[in-house]
Amino acid sequence: MPSRGRSVPRRITARGTAMAMGAALAVTAGLAAAPAVHASPSAAGHLRWTPCDDPAKPGAECATLSVPVDWAYPGGPRIELAVARRKAADPGARVGALVFGPGGPGDSGVRMVVDRVSRFSPEVRRRFDIVSFDPRGVGGSNPVTCSGDLLAQRPSPELKSQADFDATMAYNRRLHADCRARTGPVFDHLDTAQTVRDVDALRAALGERKLTFHGSSYGTLLGAQYAETYPRRVRAMVLESVMDHSVAATRDFLRAEAASAEDSFQEFVKWCDGTADCALHDRDVRAVWRGLLARAGRGELEDPAKPGSPLSSPDLVNKVAFRKFYTADYAGLATAIATMHASEPLPASPTSTAPLPPATPVFCSDWHLPVRDHQTYASLVAMMNRTAPDLPYLLPVHMVAACLGAPTANPQHRLDARGAPPILVSNALHDPATGYPWAVSVARQLGRSGVLLTYEGHGHGSVTSGPCMEDAVDNYLTDLAVPPRGTSCPALGSVNAAGSPPRPLP
């Protein structure tokens, strides 16, 4: 452990959550706006592929792509982006390169290609080179670096007074200055508008006349803004688990996030009530859960990941329940709740929410979510707790607290992608992080280009959720066969799940 007061730099790298709101973020201030520039990328982009340094997972190739720190000044300083690919398994049937836009923000696309390429369907892996990258500020692409000691001092989002609010604002300014000094000039140019230009440089370096793109979670914001910036350079685009960047008001953003999470909790309770194998079947699930929240609030609930240490109520919500909702692992969540409920209480002790390990300041530079003062903040928290009474202090309010005082380089706006080809917008009906209404909204904003594909099930991510979804996405990517508007696929586990064709919603 470092001695007290010692400043230990920490490289902020990706954790593969594929979670639009799940990666915690370093706070930014003083971000320079990236102007809307539509010029072609520099011809300097070139990729030299060599085997990735992971003999346990052969087959992936790695390269670096040189891009400007600031696309407004393409002749200025440059950074190297880490890129990875796996070639199409059937070269004779190869369609081209599929570029994957990682989520987070802060997820590593390189790790996705090297470690988790199975998240793509067999047909996509057969017909496409799978290519992704570490976005600027992540992993191998000039990662954001901050003082470990300062990160550990992050204030709790449970702000109880104006003094707490002011202290959080002051902390955010200190953290921004520290991360900026350690990271370098790219720290001021990490917003999605800059990354759009990186993706177009990658497209050109791959030799692709038009882009075939799959964005997941936060990567859907990247895809949508690429289509807006370069509508006629899109061949095909899948937006999976969709962020709606048109949500302008802080209250509306937080209400939508709370409603999506609460919907998943209600679906969990419904499943447990109707499933004999649920570890909490025939019990009052909400009463058991409320008891755990109360124990966590008193510091009496043991952290399953850290025996002997207390688990705070925000961590119980976000690190236990919310993570299980991502994969719709209701059985695992029920077992975890039952185990904690049966555990011996710890002696009451103070608890603190673990500091969120920041990934990049992308979120703060993409979302203008101002909060005027503590009174306004308290009203937002109260609104979220009314909307999601079972899930107090959800992660999105942590994000808003982390961004207090940060200007925004790439603020919210409605999409305008006129001239783009059909874009497939895919979402689960019961997604805990990117609610279904956001997907409906984005499809509408895309107008004639937006084609909504609905998965009637649960969880964050949907494109490989059974043969119906997989076939619809595969046919679109490989043959540009667009499913009928309003197409819906049944949830896995339903009587229609296996092998049923897509069917339009009524």
Protein backbone atom coordinates (compact mmCIF):
# COMPACT_ATOMS: atom_id res chain seq x y z
CA MET A 1 0.00 0.00 0.00
CA PRO A 2 1.27 3.50 -0.70
CA SER A 3 2.18 5.65 2.25
CA ARG A 4 -0.28 8.34 3.24
CA GLY A 5 -0.11 11.37 1.02
CA ARG A 6 1.92 9.69 -1.69
CA SER A 7 0.52 10.31 -5.17
CA VAL A 8 0.43 7.04 -7.09
CA PRO A 9 -0.42 7.41 -10.78
CA ARG A 10 -3.02 4.94 -11.94
CA ARG A 11 -3.59 4.12 -15.58
CA ILE A 12 -7.28 4.04 -16.22
CA THR A 13 -8.01 1.12 -18.50
CA ALA A 14 -11.14 -0.59 -19.65
CA ARG A 15 -13.21 -3.16 -17.84
CA GLY A 16 -15.42 -5.13 -20.18
CA THR A 17 -18.82 -4.25 -18.82
CA ALA A 18 -20.42 -3.31 -22.16
CA MET A 19 -22.36 -0.98 -20.00
CA ALA A 20 -23.52 2.37 -21.25
CA MET A 21 -23.65 3.89 -17.80
CA GLY A 22 -21.57 1.39 -15.93
CA ALA A 23 -18.02 2.53 -16.35
CA ALA A 24 -17.22 5.19 -13.82
CA LEU A 25 -15.54 8.26 -15.10
CA ALA A 26 -12.83 10.75 -14.30
CA VAL A 27 -14.21 14.26 -14.14
CA THR A 28 -13.23 16.77 -16.76
CA ALA A 29 -13.06 20.51 -16.84
CA GLY A 30 -11.84 22.87 -19.49
CA LEU A 31 -12.54 20.52 -22.38
CA ALA A 32 -12.06 22.20 -25.74
CA ALA A 33 -14.97 21.85 -28.14
CA ALA A 34 -14.33 19.79 -31.26
CA PRO A 35 -15.73 21.66 -34.26
CA ALA A 36 -17.84 19.87 -36.81
CA VAL A 37 -15.22 19.02 -39.43
CA HIS A 38 -16.15 16.84 -42.38
CA ALA A 39 -12.83 16.50 -44.23
CA SER A 40 -11.44 13.10 -45.13
CA PRO A 41 -8.90 11.58 -42.73
CA SER A 42 -5.23 12.08 -43.29
CA ALA A 43 -3.54 9.74 -45.73
CA ALA A 44 -0.98 9.10 -42.98
CA GLY A 45 -3.26 6.37 -41.57
CA HIS A 46 -1.62 3.00 -42.16
CA LEU A 47 -1.89 -0.36 -40.39
CA ARG A 48 0.93 -2.86 -40.02
CA TRP A 49 -0.52 -6.05 -38.58
CA THR A 50 1.48 -8.35 -36.30
CA PRO A 51 0.30 -11.14 -33.97
CA CYS A 52 -1.09 -9.77 -30.71
CA ASP A 53 1.01 -10.47 -27.64
CA ASP A 54 -1.27 -13.17 -26.23
CA PRO A 55 -0.14 -16.70 -27.14
CA ALA A 56 -3.03 -18.17 -25.13
CA LYS A 57 -5.48 -16.67 -27.64
CA PRO A 58 -3.93 -17.04 -31.09
CA GLY A 59 -5.37 -15.64 -34.26
CA ALA A 60 -5.75 -11.98 -33.32
CA GLU A 61 -3.58 -9.39 -35.02
CA CYS A 62 -2.70 -5.97 -33.59
CA ALA A 63 -1.63 -2.66 -35.07
CA THR A 64 -1.57 1.03 -34.25
CA LEU A 65 -3.22 3.89 -36.12
CA SER A 66 -1.81 7.41 -35.96
CA VAL A 67 -4.47 10.13 -35.56
CA PRO A 68 -4.35 13.80 -34.57
CA VAL A 69 -4.79 14.69 -30.92
CA ASP A 70 -7.31 17.30 -32.11
CA TRP A 71 -9.02 16.75 -35.45
CA ALA A 72 -9.53 20.52 -35.74
CA TYR A 73 -5.75 20.67 -36.29
CA PRO A 74 -4.88 17.55 -38.31
CA GLY A 75 -1.29 18.72 -38.78
CA GLY A 76 -0.69 19.03 -35.04
CA PRO A 77 0.46 16.48 -32.44
CA ARG A 78 -0.65 12.87 -32.93
CA ILE A 79 -1.43 9.83 -30.80
CA GLU A 80 -1.38 6.13 -31.58
CA LEU A 81 -4.63 4.17 -31.29
CA ALA A 82 -4.42 0.46 -30.49
CA VAL A 83 -6.30 -1.65 -33.06
CA ALA A 84 -6.98 -5.40 -33.30
CA ARG A 85 -8.59 -7.73 -35.82
CA ARG A 86 -9.45 -11.35 -36.49
CA LYS A 87 -9.68 -12.23 -40.15
CA ALA A 88 -12.82 -13.73 -41.62
CA ALA A 89 -12.91 -17.48 -40.99
CA ASP A 90 -13.99 -18.13 -44.59
CA PRO A 91 -11.86 -15.89 -46.85
CA GLY A 92 -13.80 -17.01 -49.93
CA ALA A 93 -17.06 -15.72 -48.45
CA ARG A 94 -15.57 -12.57 -46.92
CA VAL A 95 -17.75 -9.44 -47.17
CA GLY A 96 -15.25 -6.99 -45.63
CA ALA A 97 -14.30 -5.56 -42.25
CA LEU A 98 -16.81 -5.08 -39.43
CA VAL A 99 -15.71 -2.33 -37.03
CA PHE A 100 -16.99 -2.78 -33.47
CA GLY A 101 -17.59 0.30 -31.31
CA PRO A 102 -16.95 -0.66 -27.67
CA GLY A 103 -19.19 0.41 -24.80
CA GLY A 104 -18.52 1.80 -21.35
CA PRO A 105 -17.35 4.42 -22.03
CA GLY A 106 -13.96 2.93 -21.29
CA ASP A 107 -14.25 -0.59 -22.65
CA SER A 108 -11.35 -1.95 -24.67
CA GLY A 109 -12.17 -2.99 -28.22
CA VAL A 110 -8.77 -4.68 -28.48
CA ARG A 111 -9.59 -6.95 -25.55
CA MET A 112 -12.95 -7.70 -27.14
CA VAL A 113 -11.27 -8.94 -30.32
CA VAL A 114 -8.53 -10.85 -28.49
CA ASP A 115 -10.57 -12.36 -25.64
CA ARG A 116 -14.30 -12.23 -26.42
CA VAL A 117 -14.79 -12.52 -30.15
CA SER A 118 -17.47 -15.14 -29.45
CA ARG A 119 -19.88 -12.29 -28.64
CA PHE A 120 -20.29 -12.11 -32.45
CA SER A 121 -22.32 -14.76 -34.25
CA PRO A 122 -20.56 -17.59 -36.12
CA GLU A 123 -21.86 -16.22 -39.43
CA VAL A 124 -20.46 -12.75 -38.77
CA ARG A 125 -17.10 -14.24 -37.77
CA ARG A 126 -17.14 -16.36 -40.95
CA ARG A 127 -17.95 -13.49 -43.33
CA PHE A 128 -16.19 -10.47 -41.79
CA ASP A 129 -12.84 -9.43 -40.43
CA ILE A 130 -13.74 -8.39 -36.86
CA VAL A 131 -11.92 -5.15 -36.10
CA SER A 132 -12.02 -2.93 -33.04
CA PHE A 133 -9.86 -0.43 -31.17
CA ASP A 134 -9.20 1.12 -27.82
CA PRO A 135 -10.81 4.57 -27.97
CA ARG A 136 -8.55 7.49 -27.19
CA GLY A 137 -7.89 7.61 -23.44
CA VAL A 138 -8.44 3.86 -22.98
CA GLY A 139 -6.13 0.85 -22.73
CA GLY A 140 -3.40 1.04 -25.36
CA SER A 141 -4.54 4.42 -26.75
CA ASN A 142 -2.91 7.01 -24.47
CA PRO A 143 -4.91 5.95 -21.39
CA VAL A 144 -6.12 8.50 -18.89
CA THR A 145 -3.74 8.46 -15.93
CA CYS A 146 -4.60 9.90 -12.51
CA SER A 147 -3.32 9.88 -8.96
CA GLY A 148 -4.41 6.70 -7.20
CA ASP A 149 -4.50 8.53 -3.88
CA LEU A 150 -6.74 11.25 -5.29
CA LEU A 151 -9.10 8.73 -6.87
CA ALA A 152 -9.45 7.01 -3.51
CA GLN A 153 -10.66 10.30 -2.00
CA ARG A 154 -13.71 10.54 -4.29
CA PRO A 155 -16.61 11.90 -2.21
CA SER A 156 -19.71 9.80 -1.71
CA PRO A 157 -22.61 10.74 -4.02
CA GLU A 158 -24.84 10.89 -0.94
CA LEU A 159 -24.48 14.66 -0.65
CA LYS A 160 -26.28 15.83 2.48
CA SER A 161 -25.69 19.58 2.39
CA GLN A 162 -24.56 22.51 0.28
CA ALA A 163 -21.14 22.09 1.91
CA ASP A 164 -20.97 18.51 0.56
CA PHE A 165 -22.03 19.79 -2.87
CA ASP A 166 -19.32 22.48 -2.84
CA ALA A 167 -16.71 19.97 -1.66
CA THR A 168 -17.57 17.65 -4.54
CA MET A 169 -17.21 20.50 -7.03
CA ALA A 170 -13.80 21.36 -5.57
CA TYR A 171 -12.70 17.70 -5.67
CA ASN A 172 -13.77 17.42 -9.30
CA ARG A 173 -11.59 20.41 -10.18
CA ARG A 174 -8.57 18.88 -8.40
CA LEU A 175 -9.06 15.52 -10.09
CA HIS A 176 -9.41 17.10 -13.51
CA ALA A 177 -6.20 19.08 -13.10
CA ASP A 178 -4.31 16.00 -11.89
CA CYS A 179 -5.56 13.68 -14.65
CA ARG A 180 -4.95 16.29 -17.32
CA ALA A 181 -1.37 16.88 -16.17
CA ARG A 182 -0.61 13.14 -16.08
CA THR A 183 -2.43 12.19 -19.29
CA GLY A 184 -1.29 14.97 -21.59
CA PRO A 185 -3.01 17.04 -24.29
CA VAL A 186 -5.34 14.26 -25.47
CA PHE A 187 -7.22 14.61 -22.18
CA ASP A 188 -8.96 17.66 -23.63
CA HIS A 189 -10.04 15.77 -26.77
CA LEU A 190 -11.71 12.56 -25.63
CA ASP A 191 -15.31 13.25 -26.63
CA THR A 192 -17.24 11.09 -29.06
CA ALA A 193 -17.13 13.72 -31.82
CA GLN A 194 -13.35 13.28 -31.92
CA THR A 195 -13.69 9.48 -31.88
CA VAL A 196 -16.04 9.66 -34.88
CA ARG A 197 -13.13 11.08 -36.84
CA ASP A 198 -10.88 8.26 -35.55
CA VAL A 199 -13.37 5.68 -36.81
CA ASP A 200 -13.40 7.24 -40.25
CA ALA A 201 -9.59 7.20 -40.29
CA LEU A 202 -9.76 3.51 -39.34
CA ARG A 203 -12.24 2.83 -42.14
CA ALA A 204 -9.88 4.43 -44.65
CA ALA A 205 -6.83 2.60 -43.27
CA LEU A 206 -8.70 -0.72 -43.63
CA GLY A 207 -9.33 0.07 -47.28
CA GLU A 208 -13.11 0.04 -46.81
CA ARG A 209 -15.00 2.38 -49.15
CA LYS A 210 -17.94 2.34 -46.74
CA LEU A 211 -18.16 1.46 -43.07
CA THR A 212 -19.82 -1.67 -41.68
CA PHE A 213 -20.25 -0.95 -37.97
CA HIS A 214 -21.64 -2.60 -34.85
CA GLY A 215 -21.89 -0.36 -31.81
CA SER A 216 -22.89 -1.71 -28.41
CA SER A 217 -24.18 0.36 -25.48
CA TYR A 218 -22.08 3.54 -25.34
CA GLY A 219 -20.73 2.53 -28.76
CA THR A 220 -24.19 3.28 -30.18
CA LEU A 221 -23.56 6.97 -29.54
CA LEU A 222 -20.38 6.65 -31.59
CA GLY A 223 -22.22 4.88 -34.40
CA ALA A 224 -25.13 7.32 -34.48
CA GLN A 225 -22.82 10.32 -34.60
CA TYR A 226 -20.74 8.69 -37.34
CA ALA A 227 -23.91 8.25 -39.41
CA GLU A 228 -24.76 11.88 -38.73
CA THR A 229 -21.29 13.10 -39.74
CA TYR A 230 -20.69 10.76 -42.69
CA PRO A 231 -24.13 9.45 -43.74
CA ARG A 232 -22.99 8.43 -47.22
CA ARG A 233 -19.98 6.50 -45.92
CA VAL A 234 -22.16 3.95 -44.07
CA ARG A 235 -22.65 0.51 -45.65
CA ALA A 236 -24.46 -1.12 -42.71
CA MET A 237 -24.76 -0.21 -39.04
CA VAL A 238 -26.14 -2.07 -36.01
CA LEU A 239 -26.84 -0.05 -32.87
CA GLU A 240 -27.34 -2.51 -29.98
CA SER A 241 -28.63 -1.40 -26.53
CA VAL A 242 -29.12 2.19 -27.52
CA MET A 243 -28.12 5.48 -25.93
CA ASP A 244 -30.42 8.41 -26.74
CA HIS A 245 -28.21 11.48 -26.94
CA SER A 246 -31.22 13.75 -27.47
CA VAL A 247 -32.24 13.56 -23.79
CA ALA A 248 -31.31 17.10 -22.79
CA ALA A 249 -32.57 17.65 -19.24
CA THR A 250 -30.75 16.20 -16.22
CA ARG A 251 -34.08 15.22 -14.63
CA ASP A 252 -35.29 13.43 -17.77
CA PHE A 253 -32.01 11.54 -18.14
CA LEU A 254 -32.02 10.33 -14.52
CA ARG A 255 -35.73 9.48 -14.57
CA ALA A 256 -35.26 7.33 -17.69
CA GLU A 257 -32.31 5.49 -16.17
CA ALA A 258 -34.15 4.88 -12.90
CA ALA A 259 -37.25 3.60 -14.71
CA SER A 260 -35.19 1.11 -16.74
CA ALA A 261 -33.43 -0.26 -13.68
CA GLU A 262 -36.65 -0.52 -11.65
CA ASP A 263 -38.30 -2.35 -14.53
CA SER A 264 -35.56 -4.99 -14.32
CA PHE A 265 -36.09 -5.34 -10.56
CA GLN A 266 -39.81 -5.80 -11.07
CA GLU A 267 -39.13 -8.42 -13.75
CA PHE A 268 -36.81 -10.20 -11.31
CA VAL A 269 -39.50 -10.28 -8.60
CA LYS A 270 -42.06 -11.52 -11.11
CA TRP A 271 -39.69 -14.28 -12.26
CA CYS A 272 -38.95 -15.36 -8.70
CA ASP A 273 -42.62 -15.46 -7.75
CA GLY A 274 -43.36 -17.73 -10.70
CA THR A 275 -40.27 -19.97 -10.64
CA ALA A 276 -39.98 -22.81 -8.14
CA ASP A 277 -36.19 -22.96 -8.60
CA CYS A 278 -35.73 -19.37 -7.41
CA ALA A 279 -33.84 -19.34 -4.11
CA LEU A 280 -36.40 -16.84 -2.79
CA HIS A 281 -39.53 -18.53 -4.16
CA ASP A 282 -42.56 -18.31 -1.85
CA ARG A 283 -40.92 -15.47 0.07
CA ASP A 284 -41.55 -11.73 0.00
CA VAL A 285 -38.63 -10.84 -2.24
CA ARG A 286 -38.99 -7.11 -1.69
CA ALA A 287 -39.08 -7.51 2.09
CA VAL A 288 -35.89 -9.58 2.04
CA TRP A 289 -34.23 -7.03 -0.24
CA ARG A 290 -35.30 -4.10 1.95
CA GLY A 291 -33.81 -5.90 4.93
CA LEU A 292 -30.48 -6.20 3.13
CA LEU A 293 -30.55 -2.51 2.20
CA ALA A 294 -31.18 -1.62 5.86
CA ARG A 295 -28.34 -3.85 7.06
CA ALA A 296 -26.03 -2.37 4.43
CA GLY A 297 -26.98 1.14 5.54
CA ARG A 298 -25.96 0.28 9.12
CA GLY A 299 -22.69 -1.31 8.00
CA GLU A 300 -23.86 -4.80 9.08
CA LEU A 301 -23.87 -6.54 5.68
CA GLU A 302 -20.72 -8.38 4.69
CA ASP A 303 -19.29 -7.77 1.24
CA PRO A 304 -19.24 -11.19 -0.51
CA ALA A 305 -16.16 -10.11 -2.47
CA LYS A 306 -14.31 -8.90 0.66
CA PRO A 307 -15.02 -11.17 3.63
CA GLY A 308 -15.03 -9.24 6.89
CA SER A 309 -15.67 -5.90 5.16
CA PRO A 310 -19.06 -4.13 5.09
CA LEU A 311 -20.97 -3.61 1.86
CA SER A 312 -22.62 -0.19 1.46
CA SER A 313 -26.19 0.11 0.23
CA PRO A 314 -25.14 1.86 -3.04
CA ASP A 315 -22.69 -0.96 -3.71
CA LEU A 316 -25.37 -3.55 -2.92
CA VAL A 317 -27.56 -1.91 -5.56
CA ASN A 318 -24.94 -1.27 -8.24
CA LYS A 319 -22.36 -4.02 -7.75
CA VAL A 320 -24.69 -6.88 -6.85
CA ALA A 321 -28.18 -6.35 -8.29
CA PHE A 322 -27.48 -4.13 -11.28
CA ARG A 323 -24.64 -6.32 -12.57
CA LYS A 324 -26.89 -9.38 -12.49
CA PHE A 325 -29.56 -7.50 -14.45
CA TYR A 326 -27.07 -7.00 -17.28
CA THR A 327 -27.02 -10.70 -18.11
CA ALA A 328 -30.55 -11.30 -16.77
CA ASP A 329 -29.00 -13.69 -14.24
CA TYR A 330 -32.05 -13.75 -12.00
CA ALA A 331 -31.20 -17.14 -10.53
CA GLY A 332 -27.74 -15.91 -9.56
CA LEU A 333 -29.15 -12.74 -8.03
CA ALA A 334 -31.73 -14.69 -6.00
CA THR A 335 -29.01 -16.99 -4.68
CA ALA A 336 -26.78 -14.06 -3.77
CA ILE A 337 -29.63 -12.31 -1.92
CA ALA A 338 -30.61 -15.50 -0.06
CA THR A 339 -26.99 -16.12 0.97
CA MET A 340 -26.52 -12.58 2.27
CA HIS A 341 -29.88 -12.68 4.03
CA ALA A 342 -28.84 -15.85 5.90
CA SER A 343 -25.40 -14.50 6.81
CA GLU A 344 -24.48 -13.35 10.29
CA PRO A 345 -24.62 -9.56 10.62
CA LEU A 346 -21.32 -7.76 11.04
CA PRO A 347 -20.89 -5.44 14.01
CA ALA A 348 -22.35 -2.11 12.94
CA SER A 349 -19.65 0.09 11.44
CA PRO A 350 -19.41 3.07 9.10
CA THR A 351 -19.48 2.22 5.42
CA SER A 352 -18.35 4.10 2.38
CA THR A 353 -19.10 3.59 -1.25
CA ALA A 354 -16.03 2.29 -3.02
CA PRO A 355 -14.52 4.93 -5.30
CA LEU A 356 -15.63 4.43 -8.84
CA PRO A 357 -12.60 3.43 -10.94
CA PRO A 358 -12.70 6.06 -13.67
CA ALA A 359 -12.27 4.91 -17.24
CA THR A 360 -12.22 8.09 -19.32
CA PRO A 361 -13.78 11.55 -19.10
CA VAL A 362 -15.79 10.80 -22.21
CA PHE A 363 -19.17 10.78 -20.48
CA CYS A 364 -18.66 14.19 -18.91
CA SER A 365 -17.65 15.69 -22.26
CA ASP A 366 -20.60 14.09 -24.10
CA TRP A 367 -23.39 14.84 -21.63
CA HIS A 368 -24.34 18.27 -20.30
CA LEU A 369 -26.23 17.37 -17.11
CA PRO A 370 -26.01 20.48 -14.92
CA VAL A 371 -27.11 20.64 -11.30
CA ARG A 372 -27.39 24.13 -9.82
CA ASP A 373 -27.01 23.46 -6.09
CA HIS A 374 -27.57 20.92 -3.33
CA GLN A 375 -31.30 21.59 -3.17
CA THR A 376 -31.61 20.69 -6.86
CA TYR A 377 -29.38 17.65 -6.41
CA ALA A 378 -31.47 16.42 -3.47
CA SER A 379 -34.65 16.80 -5.53
CA LEU A 380 -33.09 14.73 -8.34
CA VAL A 381 -32.11 11.97 -5.90
CA ALA A 382 -35.61 12.00 -4.39
CA MET A 383 -37.14 11.74 -7.88
CA MET A 384 -34.91 8.78 -8.74
CA ASN A 385 -35.81 7.04 -5.49
CA ARG A 386 -39.52 7.52 -6.22
CA THR A 387 -39.03 6.15 -9.72
CA ALA A 388 -36.88 3.23 -8.53
CA PRO A 389 -37.90 2.70 -4.88
CA ASP A 390 -36.12 -0.66 -4.74
CA LEU A 391 -32.79 0.70 -6.04
CA PRO A 392 -31.61 3.81 -4.15
CA TYR A 393 -28.51 5.70 -5.35
CA LEU A 394 -28.27 4.09 -8.77
CA LEU A 395 -25.06 4.55 -10.69
CA PRO A 396 -26.30 7.33 -13.02
CA VAL A 397 -26.58 9.77 -10.11
CA HIS A 398 -22.97 8.91 -9.20
CA MET A 399 -22.07 9.87 -12.76
CA VAL A 400 -23.87 13.20 -12.50
CA ALA A 401 -22.03 13.94 -9.24
CA ALA A 402 -18.72 13.01 -10.88
CA CYS A 403 -19.38 15.48 -13.71
CA LEU A 404 -20.43 18.47 -11.59
CA GLY A 405 -18.64 21.52 -12.93
CA ALA A 406 -17.41 19.87 -16.13
CA PRO A 407 -18.06 21.67 -19.41
CA THR A 408 -19.27 19.62 -22.35
CA ALA A 409 -17.53 19.43 -25.73
CA ASN A 410 -20.19 17.31 -27.44
CA PRO A 411 -23.56 18.18 -25.86
CA GLN A 412 -26.86 16.40 -26.47
CA HIS A 413 -28.79 17.03 -29.66
CA ARG A 414 -31.31 15.29 -31.90
CA LEU A 415 -29.86 13.14 -34.64
CA ASP A 416 -29.83 14.31 -38.23
CA ALA A 417 -28.52 11.48 -40.42
CA ARG A 418 -30.32 12.30 -43.63
CA GLY A 419 -28.80 10.39 -46.52
CA ALA A 420 -27.79 7.37 -44.43
CA PRO A 421 -28.87 3.87 -45.52
CA PRO A 422 -31.08 1.69 -43.29
CA ILE A 423 -29.61 1.44 -39.76
CA LEU A 424 -30.66 -1.45 -37.51
CA VAL A 425 -31.58 -0.33 -33.98
CA SER A 426 -31.70 -3.33 -31.61
CA ASN A 427 -32.85 -3.37 -27.98
CA ALA A 428 -34.34 -5.67 -25.37
CA LEU A 429 -37.73 -4.70 -23.98
CA HIS A 430 -36.31 -5.04 -20.46
CA ASP A 431 -32.82 -3.54 -20.63
CA PRO A 432 -31.66 -2.25 -17.21
CA ALA A 433 -29.30 0.45 -18.54
CA THR A 434 -30.49 1.58 -21.96
CA GLY A 435 -34.25 1.38 -21.73
CA TYR A 436 -36.40 0.39 -24.67
CA PRO A 437 -37.92 3.90 -25.01
CA TRP A 438 -34.46 5.21 -25.92
CA ALA A 439 -34.23 2.77 -28.82
CA VAL A 440 -37.68 3.79 -30.03
CA SER A 441 -36.64 7.44 -29.85
CA VAL A 442 -33.37 6.93 -31.75
CA ALA A 443 -35.12 4.92 -34.48
CA ARG A 444 -37.61 7.78 -34.88
CA GLN A 445 -34.85 10.38 -35.01
CA LEU A 446 -33.19 8.39 -37.79
CA GLY A 447 -36.42 8.75 -39.77
CA ARG A 448 -36.55 6.61 -42.88
CA SER A 449 -33.09 5.23 -42.03
CA GLY A 450 -34.13 3.86 -38.61
CA VAL A 451 -35.27 0.21 -38.45
CA LEU A 452 -36.16 -0.99 -34.95
CA LEU A 453 -35.53 -4.64 -34.06
CA THR A 454 -37.06 -5.63 -30.73
CA TYR A 455 -35.94 -8.47 -28.47
CA GLU A 456 -38.85 -9.25 -26.15
CA GLY A 457 -36.56 -10.45 -23.38
CA HIS A 458 -34.22 -9.11 -20.74
CA GLY A 459 -30.66 -7.92 -20.29
CA HIS A 460 -28.16 -5.51 -21.77
CA GLY A 461 -27.37 -6.69 -25.28
CA SER A 462 -29.60 -8.52 -27.72
CA VAL A 463 -28.15 -9.29 -31.15
CA THR A 464 -27.23 -12.92 -30.39
CA SER A 465 -30.23 -13.60 -28.14
CA GLY A 466 -31.51 -16.66 -29.98
CA PRO A 467 -31.82 -17.67 -33.65
CA CYS A 468 -34.51 -15.10 -34.45
CA MET A 469 -32.38 -12.13 -33.44
CA GLU A 470 -29.17 -13.63 -34.75
CA ASP A 471 -30.59 -14.40 -38.19
CA ALA A 472 -32.14 -10.95 -38.58
CA VAL A 473 -28.84 -9.23 -37.73
CA ASP A 474 -26.69 -11.63 -39.78
CA ASN A 475 -28.85 -11.22 -42.90
CA TYR A 476 -28.72 -7.45 -42.57
CA LEU A 477 -24.94 -7.29 -42.12
CA THR A 478 -24.02 -9.80 -44.78
CA ASP A 479 -26.64 -9.21 -47.48
CA LEU A 480 -28.10 -5.82 -46.47
CA ALA A 481 -31.48 -7.56 -46.09
CA VAL A 482 -33.41 -5.19 -43.85
CA PRO A 483 -36.01 -6.84 -41.57
CA PRO A 484 -39.56 -5.51 -41.85
CA ARG A 485 -40.21 -2.44 -39.75
CA GLY A 486 -41.57 -3.37 -36.35
CA THR A 487 -39.89 -6.78 -36.32
CA SER A 488 -39.86 -8.44 -32.91
CA CYS A 489 -38.22 -11.63 -31.63
CA PRO A 490 -39.47 -13.65 -28.64
CA ALA A 491 -37.52 -13.94 -25.44
CA LEU A 492 -35.26 -16.94 -24.97
CA GLY A 493 -37.01 -19.57 -22.93
CA SER A 494 -40.43 -18.82 -24.37
CA VAL A 495 -42.26 -21.48 -26.37
CA ASN A 496 -41.41 -19.64 -29.58
CA ALA A 497 -37.74 -18.98 -28.85
CA ALA A 498 -36.08 -21.82 -30.76
CA GLY A 499 -35.89 -21.32 -34.49
CA SER A 500 -38.87 -19.02 -34.84
CA PRO A 501 -38.70 -16.42 -37.61
CA PRO A 502 -38.86 -12.69 -36.89
CA ARG A 503 -42.40 -11.44 -36.54
CA PRO A 504 -43.75 -7.89 -36.69
CA LEU A 505 -45.05 -6.28 -33.54
CA PRO A 506 -48.81 -5.69 -33.68
